[in-house]
């Protein structure tokens, strides 16, 4: 296995690849990203690389246990990690954090073949840059989406179908609570969903999923997505073709958010999807960054939100998809497909449905 780790702007980015015996081409096993903490703004490039490698090893441990792993960081760190310096102060990060990162990487590096995994460092011959990852040509299916352009390069008409999406997860006591949100800037339409037990990466995908549900109901010809998640962006425009080839699995395990990826793949047959990556938590210098910051704030607000104008549209669509099953039938279908709808939403949709109104029996005088 090969673990490639880099830092792109304010995100740590890593991908895991498998090189099967007898095959020259590596297979992607997953792509992840995680926003660096605000304290990392003052970190040196070395400190950021060290933290990114630590995160990458921790997050992929369940996939790499028992396997030999070659790590390819953007900056060479292993000579220092394997050394015993007089001081672990290498920049602005707290010394105790540096020691934790260093010793975790060092322990993984020195574990023998019988340990959790054997880690070797192989510095990339060419520097990694924050550009979209392209799919191997061997993929049988095309990716779900195509790479889009920056928001300021869209036409005014295209901007009416542009959405900014984001997701977050944080612990409240011992419970992990997630929030997914989406914003259509020109119309002011917002979508929001919350729940428990899922990661921020899952929530970021859920935000895209909500948008496509809305778009399919509206029968838009295309949609322009803007996300600050490299995992979601590369999943849509890169990895999804290979994932579909392997039945949306990595080895024997389902990919994260498998049911949503399957839905997106199906909806992409009717809607052309474009996706662009936006740098997270930037000082506002463009409309793109302003809208991204707005949707980011939506995911961090725990206050109740006013009813989105998109809810009636989605409720009507769920009502139709359930076969005009009334309040309870529509609600059951919505729950099965992860829609953030209440029974009251479905009751209203059923009452407003012209088909259902026409089929109501008339009372004899």
Protein backbone atom coordinates (compact mmCIF):
# COMPACT_ATOMS: atom_id res chain seq x y z
CA UNK A 1 0.00 0.00 0.00
CA UNK A 2 1.11 3.56 -0.72
CA UNK A 3 0.01 6.50 1.44
CA UNK A 4 0.47 9.89 -0.22
CA UNK A 5 0.29 12.89 2.13
CA UNK A 6 0.39 16.60 1.37
CA UNK A 7 -0.85 19.95 2.63
CA UNK A 8 -2.98 22.00 0.23
CA UNK A 9 -3.62 25.51 1.49
CA UNK A 10 -5.37 24.93 4.84
CA UNK A 11 -6.20 21.27 4.29
CA UNK A 12 -4.29 18.09 5.02
CA UNK A 13 -4.86 15.75 2.08
CA UNK A 14 -4.00 12.06 1.87
CA UNK A 15 -4.83 9.14 -0.39
CA UNK A 16 -4.30 5.41 -0.01
CA UNK A 17 -3.38 3.21 -2.98
CA UNK A 18 -2.96 -0.51 -3.43
CA UNK A 19 -0.41 -2.07 -5.77
CA UNK A 20 -1.54 -5.69 -6.33
CA UNK A 21 1.18 -8.24 -6.98
CA UNK A 22 1.69 -8.69 -10.70
CA UNK A 23 -0.10 -5.47 -11.66
CA UNK A 24 1.67 -2.30 -12.75
CA UNK A 25 -1.21 0.05 -12.04
CA UNK A 26 -2.16 1.10 -8.52
CA UNK A 27 -5.77 1.01 -7.40
CA UNK A 28 -7.20 3.85 -5.29
CA UNK A 29 -8.55 2.76 -1.92
CA UNK A 30 -9.67 6.14 -0.67
CA UNK A 31 -9.14 9.88 -0.60
CA UNK A 32 -9.47 12.03 2.52
CA UNK A 33 -9.03 15.62 3.59
CA UNK A 34 -9.24 17.45 6.88
CA UNK A 35 -9.08 21.16 7.58
CA UNK A 36 -6.08 22.21 9.63
CA UNK A 37 -6.93 23.87 12.96
CA UNK A 38 -6.80 27.65 13.17
CA UNK A 39 -3.72 27.31 15.38
CA UNK A 40 -1.88 25.84 12.37
CA UNK A 41 -1.94 29.23 10.62
CA UNK A 42 1.41 29.95 12.28
CA UNK A 43 2.88 26.46 11.80
CA UNK A 44 5.94 25.99 9.63
CA UNK A 45 5.56 23.80 6.51
CA UNK A 46 7.46 21.05 8.39
CA UNK A 47 4.99 21.14 11.29
CA UNK A 48 2.00 21.04 8.95
CA UNK A 49 3.49 18.05 7.12
CA UNK A 50 4.14 16.26 10.41
CA UNK A 51 0.54 16.78 11.54
CA UNK A 52 -0.81 15.69 8.14
CA UNK A 53 1.21 12.45 8.27
CA UNK A 54 0.03 11.77 11.81
CA UNK A 55 -3.62 12.25 10.80
CA UNK A 56 -3.18 10.11 7.68
CA UNK A 57 -1.75 7.19 9.65
CA UNK A 58 -4.41 7.38 12.36
CA UNK A 59 -7.34 7.64 9.92
CA UNK A 60 -6.17 4.79 7.66
CA UNK A 61 -4.99 2.40 10.36
CA UNK A 62 -8.02 0.10 10.03
CA UNK A 63 -7.23 -0.33 6.32
CA UNK A 64 -3.47 -0.77 6.68
CA UNK A 65 -3.22 -3.14 9.66
CA UNK A 66 -1.17 -6.15 8.63
CA UNK A 67 0.07 -4.54 5.42
CA UNK A 68 3.35 -2.93 4.42
CA UNK A 69 2.84 0.76 3.81
CA UNK A 70 5.01 3.14 1.82
CA UNK A 71 4.42 6.75 2.84
CA UNK A 72 5.10 9.53 0.35
CA UNK A 73 4.94 12.90 2.13
CA UNK A 74 5.36 16.18 0.32
CA UNK A 75 8.31 17.04 2.59
CA UNK A 76 10.88 14.50 3.91
CA UNK A 77 10.27 14.06 7.63
CA UNK A 78 11.46 10.57 8.55
CA UNK A 79 15.13 11.39 9.14
CA UNK A 80 14.06 13.77 11.88
CA UNK A 81 11.31 11.45 13.18
CA UNK A 82 13.79 8.59 13.63
CA UNK A 83 16.36 10.84 15.30
CA UNK A 84 16.66 11.81 18.96
CA UNK A 85 16.97 15.61 18.87
CA UNK A 86 17.94 17.58 21.96
CA UNK A 87 14.70 19.53 21.64
CA UNK A 88 11.39 18.82 19.94
CA UNK A 89 10.68 22.50 19.47
CA UNK A 90 10.60 22.89 15.68
CA UNK A 91 8.28 25.87 15.30
CA UNK A 92 5.11 27.32 16.79
CA UNK A 93 3.27 24.08 17.67
CA UNK A 94 3.20 23.02 21.31
CA UNK A 95 6.09 20.71 22.13
CA UNK A 96 3.80 18.05 23.61
CA UNK A 97 1.88 17.90 20.31
CA UNK A 98 5.09 17.54 18.31
CA UNK A 99 6.23 14.71 20.58
CA UNK A 100 2.88 12.91 20.20
CA UNK A 101 2.94 13.15 16.42
CA UNK A 102 6.61 12.17 16.21
CA UNK A 103 6.36 9.11 18.43
CA UNK A 104 3.22 7.79 16.81
CA UNK A 105 4.83 7.98 13.37
CA UNK A 106 8.06 6.55 14.77
CA UNK A 107 6.30 3.60 16.40
CA UNK A 108 4.49 2.78 13.17
CA UNK A 109 7.73 3.11 11.23
CA UNK A 110 9.64 0.72 13.45
CA UNK A 111 6.96 -1.95 13.77
CA UNK A 112 8.21 -5.14 12.12
CA UNK A 113 6.33 -7.42 9.72
CA UNK A 114 4.43 -8.90 12.65
CA UNK A 115 3.42 -5.47 13.96
CA UNK A 116 0.52 -3.28 12.92
CA UNK A 117 2.27 -2.24 9.73
CA UNK A 118 5.72 -1.66 8.37
CA UNK A 119 6.12 1.95 7.33
CA UNK A 120 8.75 3.10 4.86
CA UNK A 121 9.18 6.59 3.56
CA UNK A 122 9.73 7.24 -0.11
CA UNK A 123 9.95 10.93 -0.95
CA UNK A 124 8.07 11.71 -4.17
CA UNK A 125 10.28 12.57 -7.12
CA UNK A 126 7.93 15.38 -8.05
CA UNK A 127 6.24 17.69 -5.54
CA UNK A 128 2.54 17.15 -5.01
CA UNK A 129 0.38 20.20 -5.70
CA UNK A 130 -3.22 21.04 -4.89
CA UNK A 131 -4.65 20.06 -8.25
CA UNK A 132 -7.53 17.69 -8.94
CA UNK A 133 -6.66 14.01 -9.05
CA UNK A 134 -7.41 12.34 -12.37
CA UNK A 135 -8.76 8.83 -12.60
CA UNK A 136 -6.81 5.87 -13.98
CA UNK A 137 -7.72 5.20 -17.60
CA UNK A 138 -8.65 1.63 -16.69
CA UNK A 139 -11.91 2.70 -15.02
CA UNK A 140 -14.91 1.31 -16.91
CA UNK A 141 -17.32 3.98 -15.69
CA UNK A 142 -16.89 7.72 -16.02
CA UNK A 143 -16.88 9.79 -12.83
CA UNK A 144 -20.20 11.18 -11.63
CA UNK A 145 -19.16 14.81 -12.18
CA UNK A 146 -16.84 16.98 -14.24
CA UNK A 147 -14.51 19.64 -12.87
CA UNK A 148 -16.11 23.07 -12.96
CA UNK A 149 -14.78 26.62 -13.09
CA UNK A 150 -14.52 29.32 -10.38
CA UNK A 151 -17.78 31.04 -9.47
CA UNK A 152 -16.77 34.39 -11.00
CA UNK A 153 -16.33 32.70 -14.38
CA UNK A 154 -19.92 31.44 -14.49
CA UNK A 155 -22.48 33.24 -16.61
CA UNK A 156 -25.35 34.94 -14.81
CA UNK A 157 -27.64 32.15 -16.01
CA UNK A 158 -25.29 29.44 -14.71
CA UNK A 159 -25.10 31.17 -11.32
CA UNK A 160 -28.82 30.52 -10.86
CA UNK A 161 -27.95 26.80 -10.66
CA UNK A 162 -24.86 27.13 -8.45
CA UNK A 163 -24.83 25.70 -4.91
CA UNK A 164 -22.32 25.98 -2.09
CA UNK A 165 -22.24 22.95 0.23
CA UNK A 166 -20.58 22.13 3.53
CA UNK A 167 -20.80 19.74 6.45
CA UNK A 168 -19.44 19.50 9.96
CA UNK A 169 -19.45 17.15 12.94
CA UNK A 170 -18.64 17.83 16.56
CA UNK A 171 -19.12 16.14 19.89
CA UNK A 172 -21.78 17.24 22.37
CA UNK A 173 -20.75 15.30 25.44
CA UNK A 174 -20.23 11.76 24.17
CA UNK A 175 -22.51 12.16 21.15
CA UNK A 176 -21.15 13.10 17.74
CA UNK A 177 -23.61 15.43 16.01
CA UNK A 178 -23.37 16.33 12.35
CA UNK A 179 -24.83 19.12 10.23
CA UNK A 180 -25.09 19.34 6.43
CA UNK A 181 -25.99 22.58 4.69
CA UNK A 182 -26.30 24.03 1.19
CA UNK A 183 -26.83 27.56 -0.13
CA UNK A 184 -28.05 28.84 -3.51
CA UNK A 185 -26.78 32.44 -3.29
CA UNK A 186 -28.92 34.20 -5.91
CA UNK A 187 -32.28 32.86 -4.73
CA UNK A 188 -31.31 32.60 -1.07
CA UNK A 189 -32.57 29.01 -0.98
CA UNK A 190 -31.02 26.94 1.80
CA UNK A 191 -31.03 23.26 2.69
CA UNK A 192 -30.06 21.88 6.06
CA UNK A 193 -30.07 18.50 7.78
CA UNK A 194 -28.74 17.29 11.12
CA UNK A 195 -28.24 13.99 12.87
CA UNK A 196 -25.98 11.91 15.06
CA UNK A 197 -23.24 9.35 14.66
CA UNK A 198 -21.68 10.44 11.35
CA UNK A 199 -18.41 12.18 10.43
CA UNK A 200 -17.93 15.64 8.94
CA UNK A 201 -16.90 13.99 5.66
CA UNK A 202 -20.21 12.09 5.59
CA UNK A 203 -22.05 15.35 6.32
CA UNK A 204 -20.25 17.09 3.45
CA UNK A 205 -21.47 14.38 1.10
CA UNK A 206 -24.97 14.59 2.58
CA UNK A 207 -25.05 18.29 1.66
CA UNK A 208 -24.36 17.42 -1.99
CA UNK A 209 -26.96 14.64 -1.80
CA UNK A 210 -29.62 17.14 -0.62
CA UNK A 211 -28.81 19.49 -3.49
CA UNK A 212 -29.18 16.77 -6.11
CA UNK A 213 -32.50 15.68 -4.62
CA UNK A 214 -33.71 19.26 -5.01
CA UNK A 215 -32.24 19.64 -8.50
CA UNK A 216 -33.82 16.41 -9.77
CA UNK A 217 -37.22 17.56 -8.59
CA UNK A 218 -36.74 20.89 -10.38
CA UNK A 219 -35.54 19.04 -13.50
CA UNK A 220 -32.54 21.32 -13.93
CA UNK A 221 -30.27 20.38 -16.86
CA UNK A 222 -27.12 20.89 -14.79
CA UNK A 223 -25.85 22.01 -11.40
CA UNK A 224 -22.65 23.75 -10.31
CA UNK A 225 -21.39 22.54 -6.93
CA UNK A 226 -18.81 24.36 -4.79
CA UNK A 227 -17.31 22.52 -1.81
CA UNK A 228 -14.27 22.99 0.42
CA UNK A 229 -13.96 19.21 0.84
CA UNK A 230 -11.26 17.65 -1.33
CA UNK A 231 -12.69 14.22 -0.44
CA UNK A 232 -16.12 15.05 -1.86
CA UNK A 233 -14.78 16.99 -4.86
CA UNK A 234 -12.35 14.27 -5.89
CA UNK A 235 -14.94 11.60 -5.13
CA UNK A 236 -17.38 13.22 -7.54
CA UNK A 237 -14.98 14.13 -10.35
CA UNK A 238 -12.35 11.45 -9.82
CA UNK A 239 -12.82 8.37 -7.68
CA UNK A 240 -16.49 7.60 -8.37
CA UNK A 241 -15.83 5.82 -11.66
CA UNK A 242 -13.49 3.30 -10.04
CA UNK A 243 -15.74 2.96 -6.99
CA UNK A 244 -18.64 2.06 -9.27
CA UNK A 245 -16.44 -0.51 -11.03
CA UNK A 246 -15.97 -2.20 -7.64
CA UNK A 247 -19.64 -2.02 -6.58
CA UNK A 248 -19.00 0.95 -4.31
CA UNK A 249 -16.66 -1.01 -2.09
CA UNK A 250 -13.04 -0.75 -0.99
CA UNK A 251 -11.95 -4.33 -0.61
CA UNK A 252 -14.72 -5.99 1.38
CA UNK A 253 -15.92 -2.76 3.01
CA UNK A 254 -18.53 -0.35 1.72
CA UNK A 255 -17.20 3.09 0.85
CA UNK A 256 -18.27 5.91 3.14
CA UNK A 257 -21.77 7.11 2.33
CA UNK A 258 -22.29 4.21 -0.12
CA UNK A 259 -26.07 4.64 -0.50
CA UNK A 260 -25.65 8.34 -1.27
CA UNK A 261 -22.95 7.68 -3.89
CA UNK A 262 -25.29 5.18 -5.56
CA UNK A 263 -28.08 7.80 -5.62
CA UNK A 264 -25.74 10.43 -7.05
CA UNK A 265 -24.60 8.05 -9.77
CA UNK A 266 -28.21 7.40 -10.73
CA UNK A 267 -29.20 11.08 -10.71
CA UNK A 268 -26.14 12.02 -12.78
CA UNK A 269 -27.79 10.28 -15.74
CA UNK A 270 -30.34 13.10 -15.87
CA UNK A 271 -28.39 16.06 -14.49
CA UNK A 272 -24.95 17.22 -15.62
CA UNK A 273 -22.89 17.80 -12.46
CA UNK A 274 -19.94 20.17 -12.25
CA UNK A 275 -17.89 20.48 -9.06
CA UNK A 276 -15.28 23.02 -7.98
CA UNK A 277 -13.11 23.07 -4.87
CA UNK A 278 -13.12 26.19 -2.70
CA UNK A 279 -10.42 26.96 -0.14
CA UNK A 280 -11.88 26.80 3.36
CA UNK A 281 -11.92 29.55 5.99
CA UNK A 282 -10.30 32.22 3.84
CA UNK A 283 -10.40 35.98 4.24
CA UNK A 284 -13.13 37.20 1.93
CA UNK A 285 -11.66 38.49 -1.32
CA UNK A 286 -14.29 37.16 -3.72
CA UNK A 287 -17.97 36.22 -3.90
CA UNK A 288 -16.94 32.56 -3.98
CA UNK A 289 -15.18 32.82 -0.62
CA UNK A 290 -18.04 34.87 0.86
CA UNK A 291 -20.67 32.28 -0.09
CA UNK A 292 -18.47 29.44 1.15
CA UNK A 293 -18.06 31.20 4.49
CA UNK A 294 -21.84 31.69 4.69
CA UNK A 295 -22.60 28.00 4.23
CA UNK A 296 -19.81 27.14 6.66
CA UNK A 297 -21.55 29.28 9.30
CA UNK A 298 -24.80 27.41 8.62
CA UNK A 299 -23.15 24.13 9.63
CA UNK A 300 -21.86 25.65 12.85
CA UNK A 301 -25.15 27.16 13.99
CA UNK A 302 -27.06 25.08 16.50
CA UNK A 303 -30.05 27.43 16.52
CA UNK A 304 -33.25 26.39 14.80
CA UNK A 305 -33.43 27.58 11.21
CA UNK A 306 -36.51 29.03 9.49
CA UNK A 307 -38.24 26.69 7.09
CA UNK A 308 -36.30 26.51 3.86
CA UNK A 309 -38.28 27.31 0.71
CA UNK A 310 -36.83 24.07 -0.67
CA UNK A 311 -38.64 21.87 1.88
CA UNK A 312 -42.06 21.98 0.17
CA UNK A 313 -40.43 21.10 -3.16
CA UNK A 314 -38.60 18.10 -1.70
CA UNK A 315 -41.70 17.02 0.23
CA UNK A 316 -43.79 17.07 -2.95
CA UNK A 317 -41.13 15.03 -4.74
CA UNK A 318 -41.02 12.48 -1.89
CA UNK A 319 -44.81 12.26 -1.98
CA UNK A 320 -44.74 11.48 -5.71
CA UNK A 321 -41.86 9.01 -5.40
CA UNK A 322 -43.76 7.10 -2.69
CA UNK A 323 -46.60 6.50 -5.13
CA UNK A 324 -48.83 9.19 -3.63
CA UNK A 325 -48.88 7.21 -0.41
CA UNK A 326 -50.28 9.96 1.76
CA UNK A 327 -48.65 11.32 4.88
CA UNK A 328 -47.45 8.01 6.33
CA UNK A 329 -46.39 6.46 3.02
CA UNK A 330 -44.46 9.56 2.03
CA UNK A 331 -42.83 9.84 5.45
CA UNK A 332 -41.71 6.18 5.33
CA UNK A 333 -40.17 6.74 1.89
CA UNK A 334 -38.44 9.94 3.07
CA UNK A 335 -36.96 8.17 6.10
CA UNK A 336 -35.71 5.31 3.93
CA UNK A 337 -33.92 7.77 1.64
CA UNK A 338 -32.56 10.06 4.35
CA UNK A 339 -34.68 13.11 3.59
CA UNK A 340 -34.99 15.74 6.36
CA UNK A 341 -38.81 15.82 6.27
CA UNK A 342 -41.45 15.65 8.98
CA UNK A 343 -44.89 14.05 8.84
CA UNK A 344 -46.34 17.56 8.74
CA UNK A 345 -44.29 18.29 5.61
CA UNK A 346 -45.67 15.16 3.91
CA UNK A 347 -49.23 15.86 5.04
CA UNK A 348 -49.01 19.30 3.42
CA UNK A 349 -47.56 17.80 0.24
CA UNK A 350 -50.40 15.26 0.04
CA UNK A 351 -53.02 17.96 0.61
CA UNK A 352 -51.50 20.13 -2.14
CA UNK A 353 -51.16 17.28 -4.66
CA UNK A 354 -53.54 17.84 -7.59
CA UNK A 355 -53.50 14.15 -8.56
CA UNK A 356 -54.54 13.09 -5.07
CA UNK A 357 -57.25 15.75 -5.02
CA UNK A 358 -58.68 14.47 -8.32
CA UNK A 359 -58.73 10.89 -7.04
CA UNK A 360 -60.63 11.72 -3.84
CA UNK A 361 -64.10 10.17 -3.87
CA UNK A 362 -66.96 12.64 -4.04
CA UNK A 363 -69.74 12.36 -1.49
CA UNK A 364 -73.27 11.83 -2.78
CA UNK A 365 -75.80 14.38 -1.60
